[in-house]
């Protein structure tokens, strides 16, 4: 369990807070808007109404006690930048900040943020990849050379085993799991049989996956 300081309770911040709550982490939420703070009380450990650009206010929160500080201010980049900078000056162990443009990402990384999330860009990439083929069910980019895809099973694979197809040797693709009826099975053996009612989780280079699955 980690202790998280979450600054900004707009839609993005709210979703992060709810997910952290589901994962049983301790969350201190901060927003300048009283209504947003009150709405979040049911799924955070504690909440404060305050201005995150105030050094005095941030100092009162005990920044050094948090494992990670997340800045999700989306409607005022100046406030987001000042908050990230102040957090680092006050001894934050790790600062993750939200950006909505590439230039913002650069400024945040130079002024306090250890990591930057760019939700619009990341979602756009996911949507573009996802809609290129009806076979792609989900997609995660690990880096420029490796991605995880969840794909429907090609008809010609049905009834064959992982060993028979041997796509690792042919394409350099690793099968990580199979999903059936919403349940993911990560215990993969060479004699497992592919079927139309199962989707496949694979790891490899995007070009190799596109070639293997004819995307």
C-alpha atoms as a PDB file:
ATOM      1  CA  UNK A   1       0.000   0.000   0.000  1.00  0.00           C
ATOM      2  CA  UNK A   2       1.296   3.453  -0.947  1.00  0.00           C
ATOM      3  CA  UNK A   3       0.542   6.917   0.341  1.00  0.00           C
ATOM      4  CA  UNK A   4      -0.474   9.197  -2.536  1.00  0.00           C
ATOM      5  CA  UNK A   5      -1.026  12.942  -2.706  1.00  0.00           C
ATOM      6  CA  UNK A   6      -3.407  13.702  -5.576  1.00  0.00           C
ATOM      7  CA  UNK A   7      -3.733  17.351  -6.589  1.00  0.00           C
ATOM      8  CA  UNK A   8      -6.627  18.134  -8.911  1.00  0.00           C
ATOM      9  CA  UNK A   9     -10.038  16.472  -8.796  1.00  0.00           C
ATOM     10  CA  UNK A  10     -11.327  17.108 -12.295  1.00  0.00           C
ATOM     11  CA  UNK A  11     -12.539  14.139 -14.345  1.00  0.00           C
ATOM     12  CA  UNK A  12      -9.045  12.720 -14.850  1.00  0.00           C
ATOM     13  CA  UNK A  13      -8.004  13.164 -11.233  1.00  0.00           C
ATOM     14  CA  UNK A  14     -11.295  11.753  -9.988  1.00  0.00           C
ATOM     15  CA  UNK A  15     -10.837   8.563 -12.031  1.00  0.00           C
ATOM     16  CA  UNK A  16      -7.290   8.171 -10.684  1.00  0.00           C
ATOM     17  CA  UNK A  17      -8.526   8.617  -7.117  1.00  0.00           C
ATOM     18  CA  UNK A  18     -11.250   6.003  -7.602  1.00  0.00           C
ATOM     19  CA  UNK A  19      -8.802   3.484  -9.065  1.00  0.00           C
ATOM     20  CA  UNK A  20      -6.284   4.050  -6.264  1.00  0.00           C
ATOM     21  CA  UNK A  21      -9.115   3.503  -3.794  1.00  0.00           C
ATOM     22  CA  UNK A  22      -9.985   0.196  -5.498  1.00  0.00           C
ATOM     23  CA  UNK A  23      -6.323  -0.806  -5.169  1.00  0.00           C
ATOM     24  CA  UNK A  24      -6.395  -0.045  -1.422  1.00  0.00           C
ATOM     25  CA  UNK A  25      -3.904   2.823  -1.483  1.00  0.00           C
ATOM     26  CA  UNK A  26      -4.104   5.777   0.901  1.00  0.00           C
ATOM     27  CA  UNK A  27      -5.048   8.937  -0.998  1.00  0.00           C
ATOM     28  CA  UNK A  28      -4.922  12.527   0.176  1.00  0.00           C
ATOM     29  CA  UNK A  29      -6.871  14.540  -2.397  1.00  0.00           C
ATOM     30  CA  UNK A  30      -6.520  18.295  -2.888  1.00  0.00           C
ATOM     31  CA  UNK A  31      -8.520  20.734  -4.988  1.00  0.00           C
ATOM     32  CA  UNK A  32      -9.333  24.425  -4.794  1.00  0.00           C
ATOM     33  CA  UNK A  33     -12.969  23.634  -5.601  1.00  0.00           C
ATOM     34  CA  UNK A  34     -14.976  22.706  -2.507  1.00  0.00           C
ATOM     35  CA  UNK A  35     -17.658  20.837  -4.447  1.00  0.00           C
ATOM     36  CA  UNK A  36     -15.086  18.566  -6.106  1.00  0.00           C
ATOM     37  CA  UNK A  37     -13.484  17.812  -2.750  1.00  0.00           C
ATOM     38  CA  UNK A  38     -16.816  16.956  -1.143  1.00  0.00           C
ATOM     39  CA  UNK A  39     -17.734  14.670  -4.048  1.00  0.00           C
ATOM     40  CA  UNK A  40     -14.489  12.722  -3.583  1.00  0.00           C
ATOM     41  CA  UNK A  41     -14.779  12.093   0.160  1.00  0.00           C
ATOM     42  CA  UNK A  42     -16.294   8.628  -0.289  1.00  0.00           C
ATOM     43  CA  UNK A  43     -13.266   7.210  -2.143  1.00  0.00           C
ATOM     44  CA  UNK A  44     -10.236   8.988  -0.646  1.00  0.00           C
ATOM     45  CA  UNK A  45      -8.561   8.659   2.744  1.00  0.00           C
ATOM     46  CA  UNK A  46      -8.536  12.394   3.339  1.00  0.00           C
ATOM     47  CA  UNK A  47      -9.226  15.568   1.375  1.00  0.00           C
ATOM     48  CA  UNK A  48      -8.295  19.236   1.640  1.00  0.00           C
ATOM     49  CA  UNK A  49      -9.573  22.384  -0.011  1.00  0.00           C
ATOM     50  CA  UNK A  50      -6.624  24.560  -0.891  1.00  0.00           C
ATOM     51  CA  UNK A  51      -4.433  26.329  -3.420  1.00  0.00           C
ATOM     52  CA  UNK A  52      -1.598  24.049  -4.520  1.00  0.00           C
ATOM     53  CA  UNK A  53       0.441  27.016  -5.737  1.00  0.00           C
ATOM     54  CA  UNK A  54       0.751  28.181  -2.124  1.00  0.00           C
ATOM     55  CA  UNK A  55       3.998  26.984  -0.568  1.00  0.00           C
ATOM     56  CA  UNK A  56       2.520  27.448   2.897  1.00  0.00           C
ATOM     57  CA  UNK A  57      -0.465  25.232   2.102  1.00  0.00           C
ATOM     58  CA  UNK A  58       1.624  22.475   0.503  1.00  0.00           C
ATOM     59  CA  UNK A  59       4.074  22.516   3.410  1.00  0.00           C
ATOM     60  CA  UNK A  60       1.192  21.903   5.811  1.00  0.00           C
ATOM     61  CA  UNK A  61       0.441  18.600   4.040  1.00  0.00           C
ATOM     62  CA  UNK A  62       3.804  17.024   4.901  1.00  0.00           C
ATOM     63  CA  UNK A  63       4.967  16.406   1.339  1.00  0.00           C
ATOM     64  CA  UNK A  64       7.906  14.196   2.350  1.00  0.00           C
ATOM     65  CA  UNK A  65       5.509  11.653   3.885  1.00  0.00           C
ATOM     66  CA  UNK A  66       3.928  10.698   0.544  1.00  0.00           C
ATOM     67  CA  UNK A  67       5.347   7.964  -1.665  1.00  0.00           C
ATOM     68  CA  UNK A  68       4.175   9.750  -4.792  1.00  0.00           C
ATOM     69  CA  UNK A  69       2.552  13.096  -5.645  1.00  0.00           C
ATOM     70  CA  UNK A  70       0.280  13.250  -8.697  1.00  0.00           C
ATOM     71  CA  UNK A  71      -0.630  16.592 -10.270  1.00  0.00           C
ATOM     72  CA  UNK A  72      -3.711  16.310 -12.495  1.00  0.00           C
ATOM     73  CA  UNK A  73      -4.596  19.990 -12.894  1.00  0.00           C
ATOM     74  CA  UNK A  74      -5.899  20.233 -16.443  1.00  0.00           C
ATOM     75  CA  UNK A  75      -7.464  23.682 -16.777  1.00  0.00           C
ATOM     76  CA  UNK A  76      -4.523  25.877 -15.747  1.00  0.00           C
ATOM     77  CA  UNK A  77      -1.053  24.884 -16.889  1.00  0.00           C
ATOM     78  CA  UNK A  78       0.643  27.687 -14.955  1.00  0.00           C
ATOM     79  CA  UNK A  79      -0.795  26.306 -11.712  1.00  0.00           C
ATOM     80  CA  UNK A  80       0.214  22.782 -12.683  1.00  0.00           C
ATOM     81  CA  UNK A  81       3.792  23.882 -13.402  1.00  0.00           C
ATOM     82  CA  UNK A  82       4.089  25.879 -10.174  1.00  0.00           C
ATOM     83  CA  UNK A  83       2.654  22.978  -8.167  1.00  0.00           C
ATOM     84  CA  UNK A  84       5.083  20.443  -9.624  1.00  0.00           C
ATOM     85  CA  UNK A  85       8.002  22.776  -8.954  1.00  0.00           C
ATOM     86  CA  UNK A  86       6.931  23.467  -5.366  1.00  0.00           C
ATOM     87  CA  UNK A  87       6.400  19.770  -4.636  1.00  0.00           C
ATOM     88  CA  UNK A  88       9.952  18.959  -5.671  1.00  0.00           C
ATOM     89  CA  UNK A  89      11.357  21.901  -3.701  1.00  0.00           C
ATOM     90  CA  UNK A  90       9.475  20.673  -0.620  1.00  0.00           C
ATOM     91  CA  UNK A  91      11.102  17.252  -0.886  1.00  0.00           C
ATOM     92  CA  UNK A  92       8.567  15.154  -2.795  1.00  0.00           C
ATOM     93  CA  UNK A  93       9.958  11.677  -3.464  1.00  0.00           C
ATOM     94  CA  UNK A  94       8.263  11.355  -6.835  1.00  0.00           C
ATOM     95  CA  UNK A  95       6.149  13.797  -8.843  1.00  0.00           C
ATOM     96  CA  UNK A  96       3.916  12.683 -11.705  1.00  0.00           C
ATOM     97  CA  UNK A  97       2.197  15.473 -13.637  1.00  0.00           C
ATOM     98  CA  UNK A  98      -0.400  15.682 -16.375  1.00  0.00           C
ATOM     99  CA  UNK A  99       0.267  17.390 -19.707  1.00  0.00           C
ATOM    100  CA  UNK A 100      -2.173  18.155 -22.495  1.00  0.00           C
ATOM    101  CA  UNK A 101       0.414  19.288 -25.066  1.00  0.00           C
ATOM    102  CA  UNK A 102       3.931  18.284 -25.982  1.00  0.00           C
ATOM    103  CA  UNK A 103       5.449  21.608 -24.942  1.00  0.00           C
ATOM    104  CA  UNK A 104       3.842  21.243 -21.510  1.00  0.00           C
ATOM    105  CA  UNK A 105       5.487  17.865 -21.096  1.00  0.00           C
ATOM    106  CA  UNK A 106       8.906  19.423 -21.704  1.00  0.00           C
ATOM    107  CA  UNK A 107       8.344  22.257 -19.221  1.00  0.00           C
ATOM    108  CA  UNK A 108       7.049  19.910 -16.519  1.00  0.00           C
ATOM    109  CA  UNK A 109      10.033  17.572 -16.834  1.00  0.00           C
ATOM    110  CA  UNK A 110      12.396  20.539 -16.514  1.00  0.00           C
ATOM    111  CA  UNK A 111      10.581  21.995 -13.513  1.00  0.00           C
ATOM    112  CA  UNK A 112       9.919  19.320 -10.934  1.00  0.00           C
ATOM    113  CA  UNK A 113       8.078  16.442 -12.579  1.00  0.00           C
ATOM    114  CA  UNK A 114       9.792  13.056 -12.566  1.00  0.00           C
ATOM    115  CA  UNK A 115       7.248  11.609 -14.982  1.00  0.00           C
ATOM    116  CA  UNK A 116       4.568  13.090 -17.223  1.00  0.00           C
ATOM    117  CA  UNK A 117       1.327  11.500 -18.360  1.00  0.00           C
ATOM    118  CA  UNK A 118      -0.221  12.773 -21.568  1.00  0.00           C
ATOM    119  CA  UNK A 119      -3.725  11.210 -21.545  1.00  0.00           C
ATOM    120  CA  UNK A 120      -5.009  12.766 -24.774  1.00  0.00           C
ATOM    121  CA  UNK A 121      -1.955  11.626 -26.744  1.00  0.00           C
ATOM    122  CA  UNK A 122      -1.939   8.169 -25.171  1.00  0.00           C
ATOM    123  CA  UNK A 123      -5.659   7.657 -25.746  1.00  0.00           C
ATOM    124  CA  UNK A 124      -5.362   8.914 -29.326  1.00  0.00           C
ATOM    125  CA  UNK A 125      -2.617   6.368 -29.999  1.00  0.00           C
ATOM    126  CA  UNK A 126      -4.677   3.595 -28.416  1.00  0.00           C
ATOM    127  CA  UNK A 127      -7.757   4.546 -30.450  1.00  0.00           C
ATOM    128  CA  UNK A 128      -5.833   4.734 -33.719  1.00  0.00           C
ATOM    129  CA  UNK A 129      -4.282   1.294 -33.210  1.00  0.00           C
ATOM    130  CA  UNK A 130      -7.506  -0.217 -31.878  1.00  0.00           C
ATOM    131  CA  UNK A 131      -9.602   0.857 -34.872  1.00  0.00           C
ATOM    132  CA  UNK A 132      -7.159  -0.340 -37.554  1.00  0.00           C
ATOM    133  CA  UNK A 133      -8.488  -3.881 -37.311  1.00  0.00           C
ATOM    134  CA  UNK A 134     -11.519  -5.645 -35.885  1.00  0.00           C
ATOM    135  CA  UNK A 135      -9.106  -8.300 -34.554  1.00  0.00           C
ATOM    136  CA  UNK A 136      -7.438  -5.883 -32.093  1.00  0.00           C
ATOM    137  CA  UNK A 137      -9.266  -5.902 -28.765  1.00  0.00           C
ATOM    138  CA  UNK A 138      -6.724  -3.982 -26.685  1.00  0.00           C
ATOM    139  CA  UNK A 139      -3.254  -2.483 -27.006  1.00  0.00           C
ATOM    140  CA  UNK A 140      -0.463  -1.326 -24.693  1.00  0.00           C
ATOM    141  CA  UNK A 141       2.728   0.299 -25.995  1.00  0.00           C
ATOM    142  CA  UNK A 142       5.706  -0.552 -23.777  1.00  0.00           C
ATOM    143  CA  UNK A 143       8.271   1.339 -25.882  1.00  0.00           C
ATOM    144  CA  UNK A 144       8.882   2.049 -29.553  1.00  0.00           C
ATOM    145  CA  UNK A 145       9.956  -1.553 -30.173  1.00  0.00           C
ATOM    146  CA  UNK A 146       7.604  -3.592 -27.978  1.00  0.00           C
ATOM    147  CA  UNK A 147       3.850  -3.690 -27.501  1.00  0.00           C
ATOM    148  CA  UNK A 148       1.235  -5.942 -25.957  1.00  0.00           C
ATOM    149  CA  UNK A 149      -1.823  -6.729 -28.066  1.00  0.00           C
ATOM    150  CA  UNK A 150      -4.989  -8.573 -27.195  1.00  0.00           C
ATOM    151  CA  UNK A 151      -6.357 -10.092 -30.380  1.00  0.00           C
ATOM    152  CA  UNK A 152      -9.156 -12.390 -31.417  1.00  0.00           C
ATOM    153  CA  UNK A 153      -7.993 -15.851 -32.463  1.00  0.00           C
ATOM    154  CA  UNK A 154      -7.464 -16.178 -36.245  1.00  0.00           C
ATOM    155  CA  UNK A 155      -9.854 -18.814 -37.696  1.00  0.00           C
ATOM    156  CA  UNK A 156      -6.954 -20.814 -39.171  1.00  0.00           C
ATOM    157  CA  UNK A 157      -5.432 -21.193 -35.684  1.00  0.00           C
ATOM    158  CA  UNK A 158      -8.480 -22.843 -34.134  1.00  0.00           C
ATOM    159  CA  UNK A 159      -7.873 -26.451 -33.083  1.00  0.00           C
ATOM    160  CA  UNK A 160      -4.083 -26.052 -33.178  1.00  0.00           C
ATOM    161  CA  UNK A 161      -1.708 -25.909 -30.211  1.00  0.00           C
ATOM    162  CA  UNK A 162       0.828 -23.227 -29.303  1.00  0.00           C
ATOM    163  CA  UNK A 163       3.626 -25.702 -30.067  1.00  0.00           C
ATOM    164  CA  UNK A 164       2.249 -26.470 -33.522  1.00  0.00           C
ATOM    165  CA  UNK A 165       2.099 -22.826 -34.574  1.00  0.00           C
ATOM    166  CA  UNK A 166       5.367 -21.852 -32.846  1.00  0.00           C
ATOM    167  CA  UNK A 167       4.943 -18.126 -33.529  1.00  0.00           C
ATOM    168  CA  UNK A 168       7.776 -17.315 -31.145  1.00  0.00           C
ATOM    169  CA  UNK A 169      10.267 -18.985 -33.462  1.00  0.00           C
ATOM    170  CA  UNK A 170       8.663 -17.698 -36.674  1.00  0.00           C
ATOM    171  CA  UNK A 171       7.905 -14.114 -35.669  1.00  0.00           C
ATOM    172  CA  UNK A 172       9.601 -13.464 -32.307  1.00  0.00           C
ATOM    173  CA  UNK A 173       6.190 -13.111 -30.637  1.00  0.00           C
ATOM    174  CA  UNK A 174       5.490 -14.347 -27.119  1.00  0.00           C
ATOM    175  CA  UNK A 175       2.043 -15.532 -26.069  1.00  0.00           C
ATOM    176  CA  UNK A 176       1.370 -14.165 -22.589  1.00  0.00           C
ATOM    177  CA  UNK A 177      -2.133 -15.431 -21.971  1.00  0.00           C
ATOM    178  CA  UNK A 178      -5.572 -16.360 -23.253  1.00  0.00           C
ATOM    179  CA  UNK A 179      -8.885 -14.819 -22.237  1.00  0.00           C
ATOM    180  CA  UNK A 180     -12.091 -16.842 -22.147  1.00  0.00           C
ATOM    181  CA  UNK A 181     -15.454 -15.584 -20.847  1.00  0.00           C
ATOM    182  CA  UNK A 182     -13.743 -12.473 -19.505  1.00  0.00           C
ATOM    183  CA  UNK A 183     -11.212 -14.450 -17.455  1.00  0.00           C
ATOM    184  CA  UNK A 184      -7.522 -14.148 -18.317  1.00  0.00           C
ATOM    185  CA  UNK A 185      -5.385 -17.272 -18.023  1.00  0.00           C
ATOM    186  CA  UNK A 186      -1.674 -16.447 -17.776  1.00  0.00           C
ATOM    187  CA  UNK A 187      -0.583 -20.060 -17.254  1.00  0.00           C
ATOM    188  CA  UNK A 188       0.514 -20.903 -20.771  1.00  0.00           C
ATOM    189  CA  UNK A 189       1.718 -24.354 -21.857  1.00  0.00           C
ATOM    190  CA  UNK A 190       2.828 -25.608 -25.313  1.00  0.00           C
ATOM    191  CA  UNK A 191      -0.141 -27.993 -25.565  1.00  0.00           C
ATOM    192  CA  UNK A 192      -2.803 -25.318 -25.082  1.00  0.00           C
ATOM    193  CA  UNK A 193      -5.303 -25.283 -27.952  1.00  0.00           C
ATOM    194  CA  UNK A 194      -6.522 -22.140 -29.692  1.00  0.00           C
ATOM    195  CA  UNK A 195     -10.269 -21.697 -30.160  1.00  0.00           C
ATOM    196  CA  UNK A 196     -12.620 -19.055 -31.542  1.00  0.00           C
ATOM    197  CA  UNK A 197     -14.052 -18.252 -28.106  1.00  0.00           C
ATOM    198  CA  UNK A 198     -10.638 -17.261 -26.738  1.00  0.00           C
ATOM    199  CA  UNK A 199      -8.705 -14.049 -27.297  1.00  0.00           C
ATOM    200  CA  UNK A 200      -4.896 -14.028 -27.198  1.00  0.00           C
ATOM    201  CA  UNK A 201      -2.531 -11.724 -25.309  1.00  0.00           C
ATOM    202  CA  UNK A 202       0.774 -11.389 -27.187  1.00  0.00           C
ATOM    203  CA  UNK A 203       4.023  -9.441 -26.747  1.00  0.00           C
ATOM    204  CA  UNK A 204       6.347  -8.456 -29.560  1.00  0.00           C
ATOM    205  CA  UNK A 205       7.372  -5.852 -32.101  1.00  0.00           C
ATOM    206  CA  UNK A 206       4.301  -4.189 -33.668  1.00  0.00           C
ATOM    207  CA  UNK A 207       5.513  -4.918 -37.202  1.00  0.00           C
ATOM    208  CA  UNK A 208       5.939  -8.611 -36.386  1.00  0.00           C
ATOM    209  CA  UNK A 209       2.499  -8.777 -34.789  1.00  0.00           C
ATOM    210  CA  UNK A 210       0.925  -7.022 -37.774  1.00  0.00           C
ATOM    211  CA  UNK A 211       2.578  -9.514 -40.118  1.00  0.00           C
ATOM    212  CA  UNK A 212       1.690 -12.569 -38.050  1.00  0.00           C
ATOM    213  CA  UNK A 213      -1.960 -11.614 -37.614  1.00  0.00           C
ATOM    214  CA  UNK A 214      -2.367  -9.992 -41.076  1.00  0.00           C
ATOM    215  CA  UNK A 215      -3.367  -6.641 -39.603  1.00  0.00           C
END
